[in-house]
Amino acid sequence: MATLRDIRRHIRSVRNIEQMTRAMQMVSAAKIRRAQVRVERARPYALAMDEVARDVAKIGKEYKHPFIVPREEGTGLLILVTSDRGRVGALNVNTLRRAHAQMRREFGPRYQVVAIGRKAVEFANRMQLQVVHHQLGLPDRVTPDELRPGVEAAVEAYLNGEVREVFLAYARFRNLLSQIPTVRQLVPVLPAAEDEGPQTQGDYIYEPDAKDVLGRFMPEYLLSQVYQAVLENQASEHSARMVAMRNASTKAGDVIKELSLTANKVRQANITRELMEIIGGAEALNSARR
């Protein structure tokens, strides 16, 4: 059985952990609001870019950009967005599991990866996947220009004919308690449904010409979707870490209560034993005097 000194040492250790988890919870709670605002501000632009790209894929006739032409040959490329750090519950695991399952179903166990986040890099190395670009240590206020090298690597791999489809995987932020692992196809762009987008048989009017406009628009479309995914994942990371640290703090408090109760029982047992020893010694002295 553990001694009273061991139990008290354990209580101090758990209390230090509780203080650390509460501090991390407070930091994540302070960051989540700013991250949520950035997500909500960026969503309309990302949605508009996605709608235009899908509309072009639906009605475009003047020029067929490679991003809207399906292919039969080539492997897949996954732009994988995760956090750099852990302590976020099952957030990264859920994203990685869903993304790998879909990519393996479509392309087999080997495909290319643009890894954004340390956990994405570690996963790609562990699964022996080809990493065409990786990016670590993104700031909380990330800008599109900081993500451009990874997007350019994906664009180059697609235009060179190395891959036939590009997917994006991240944790979509719904609210403080819900983050949804999301995997969606970016390239080739899926055409808008029949009841969506322009209800016409015509085409857009391009200036100066369709090839030049779409050549500039499509990479920016891809960048806008990756940028939005990173913002969504950052908000999801902060909310998941806040919840995980709150649960850890609650669990640490429960452990401290249990250890304190055990310490009191051990202390009472020690006192009782010492009293019995004193009483036994006194009885022995009295018997000897008689």
Foldseek 3Di string as FASTA:
>chain_A
DDALVVLVVVLVVLVVLLVVLVVLLVVLVVLLVVLVVVLVVLVVVLVVLLQVLQQCLAQPDQDDDQQSDFDDDAAEEEEEAAAQDDLLPCFNVVQVVVVQVVRCVVGNLEGEYAAEYNVSVVVCVVSVYHYQHYHYDADLPHDLVSCLVSLVSVVVCVVVPNHRWYKYWAWADDDLVDTHTDIDTRGSRHHDDCPDDDVDNHHDDDPPDDVVVCVVSSSVSSSSVVVSRNSRRSSSRSSSSSVSSVVSSVVSVVVSVVSVVVSVVSVVVVVVVVVVVVVVVVVVVVVVVD
